[in-house]
Amino acid sequence: MDEQSRPDPETTATALPASGSRRSAFRPRHGPDFTRRLNRHVVPRRGVLRLNHPSGCELQMLRETLELPSDAQQLVVFLPADEKTAQAVDRLRRRPQDRLRAIS
């Protein structure tokens, strides 16, 4: 199961199904896309991803995973998890790009 297929706790009172018969009960309610993702058994990533950027700053990022219509394709978007990271990302985006140059 991936991050997009977790059921809403307010609308789903039971835990995720452990058996095939319980899984089949999800099919009519949540549809084939949910059932397909449930059957993949992908453990969702949780928490904050910590990255050490070469500039020396530590970035704390949240992941947003979007399922694409094509099979087995996802778009993963990384968003700043806190204000300190948002400011660091903004500084990195505004850095002068003249440090690299072509040498012939």
Protein backbone atom coordinates (compact mmCIF):
# COMPACT_ATOMS: atom_id res chain seq x y z
CA MET A 1 0.00 0.00 0.00
CA ASP A 2 1.35 3.43 -0.82
CA GLU A 3 0.76 6.88 0.65
CA GLN A 4 -2.15 7.52 -1.72
CA SER A 5 -4.09 4.40 -0.75
CA ARG A 6 -4.40 4.78 3.00
CA PRO A 7 -8.09 4.84 3.88
CA ASP A 8 -9.57 7.82 5.67
CA PRO A 9 -9.90 6.87 9.38
CA GLU A 10 -13.20 8.74 9.61
CA THR A 11 -14.84 6.70 6.86
CA THR A 12 -13.12 3.35 7.47
CA ALA A 13 -13.67 1.96 10.94
CA THR A 14 -11.75 -1.29 10.46
CA ALA A 15 -8.03 -1.85 10.15
CA LEU A 16 -6.52 -2.71 6.80
CA PRO A 17 -7.61 -6.16 5.70
CA ALA A 18 -5.29 -9.06 6.45
CA SER A 19 -6.97 -11.65 4.27
CA GLY A 20 -8.03 -11.88 0.63
CA SER A 21 -11.72 -12.01 1.56
CA ARG A 22 -11.46 -8.75 3.46
CA ARG A 23 -9.52 -7.17 0.60
CA SER A 24 -12.32 -8.06 -1.79
CA ALA A 25 -14.71 -6.17 0.51
CA PHE A 26 -12.73 -2.98 -0.20
CA ARG A 27 -13.08 -3.33 -3.98
CA PRO A 28 -16.70 -2.11 -4.36
CA ARG A 29 -16.30 0.71 -1.87
CA HIS A 30 -12.92 2.13 -2.88
CA GLY A 31 -12.55 1.00 -6.49
CA PRO A 32 -9.96 -0.86 -8.55
CA ASP A 33 -7.18 1.73 -8.16
CA PHE A 34 -7.29 1.45 -4.37
CA THR A 35 -7.39 -2.36 -4.56
CA ARG A 36 -4.45 -2.47 -6.99
CA ARG A 37 -2.32 -0.31 -4.68
CA LEU A 38 -3.38 -2.31 -1.63
CA ASN A 39 -2.28 -5.54 -3.31
CA ARG A 40 1.20 -4.13 -4.08
CA HIS A 41 2.03 -4.15 -0.34
CA VAL A 42 4.24 -1.06 -0.57
CA VAL A 43 5.01 0.26 2.90
CA PRO A 44 4.31 4.00 3.02
CA ARG A 45 7.20 6.29 3.84
CA ARG A 46 6.58 8.29 6.95
CA GLY A 47 8.14 11.17 8.71
CA VAL A 48 10.52 13.82 7.55
CA LEU A 49 13.30 13.15 5.05
CA ARG A 50 16.55 14.76 6.22
CA LEU A 51 19.04 15.77 3.54
CA ASN A 52 22.52 17.21 4.03
CA HIS A 53 23.06 19.63 1.16
CA PRO A 54 26.65 20.21 -0.08
CA SER A 55 26.29 23.87 0.95
CA GLY A 56 26.29 22.71 4.56
CA CYS A 57 22.63 23.20 5.40
CA GLU A 58 20.39 20.39 6.59
CA LEU A 59 17.07 20.24 4.76
CA GLN A 60 13.99 18.61 6.26
CA MET A 61 11.54 17.67 3.53
CA LEU A 62 8.04 16.22 3.38
CA ARG A 63 7.14 13.91 0.49
CA GLU A 64 3.93 14.17 -1.51
CA THR A 65 3.39 11.18 -3.79
CA LEU A 66 1.01 11.54 -6.72
CA GLU A 67 -0.13 8.51 -8.71
CA LEU A 68 0.01 9.02 -12.46
CA PRO A 69 -2.53 7.40 -14.79
CA SER A 70 0.11 5.13 -16.33
CA ASP A 71 0.89 1.90 -14.50
CA ALA A 72 3.68 1.98 -11.93
CA GLN A 73 4.43 5.68 -12.33
CA GLN A 74 4.45 8.23 -9.55
CA LEU A 75 5.46 11.84 -9.19
CA VAL A 76 7.18 12.57 -5.88
CA VAL A 77 7.25 16.20 -4.77
CA PHE A 78 9.47 17.34 -1.92
CA LEU A 79 8.21 20.24 0.21
CA PRO A 80 9.98 22.05 3.07
CA ALA A 81 8.92 20.59 6.41
CA ASP A 82 9.66 23.72 8.43
CA GLU A 83 10.37 27.43 8.07
CA LYS A 84 14.14 27.00 8.44
CA THR A 85 14.19 24.59 5.48
CA ALA A 86 11.90 26.85 3.43
CA GLN A 87 14.34 29.73 3.94
CA ALA A 88 17.34 27.53 3.08
CA VAL A 89 15.67 26.33 -0.14
CA ASP A 90 14.86 29.92 -1.05
CA ARG A 91 18.51 30.93 -0.50
CA LEU A 92 19.72 27.99 -2.60
CA ARG A 93 17.39 28.96 -5.44
CA ARG A 94 18.69 32.54 -5.42
CA ARG A 95 22.39 31.63 -5.40
CA PRO A 96 24.33 33.05 -8.33
CA GLN A 97 24.69 30.46 -11.05
CA ASP A 98 27.99 31.87 -12.33
CA ARG A 99 30.10 29.40 -10.35
CA LEU A 100 30.08 26.81 -13.15
CA ARG A 101 31.51 27.64 -16.53
CA ALA A 102 32.37 25.73 -19.67
CA ILE A 103 36.05 25.18 -20.33
CA SER A 104 37.10 24.31 -23.86
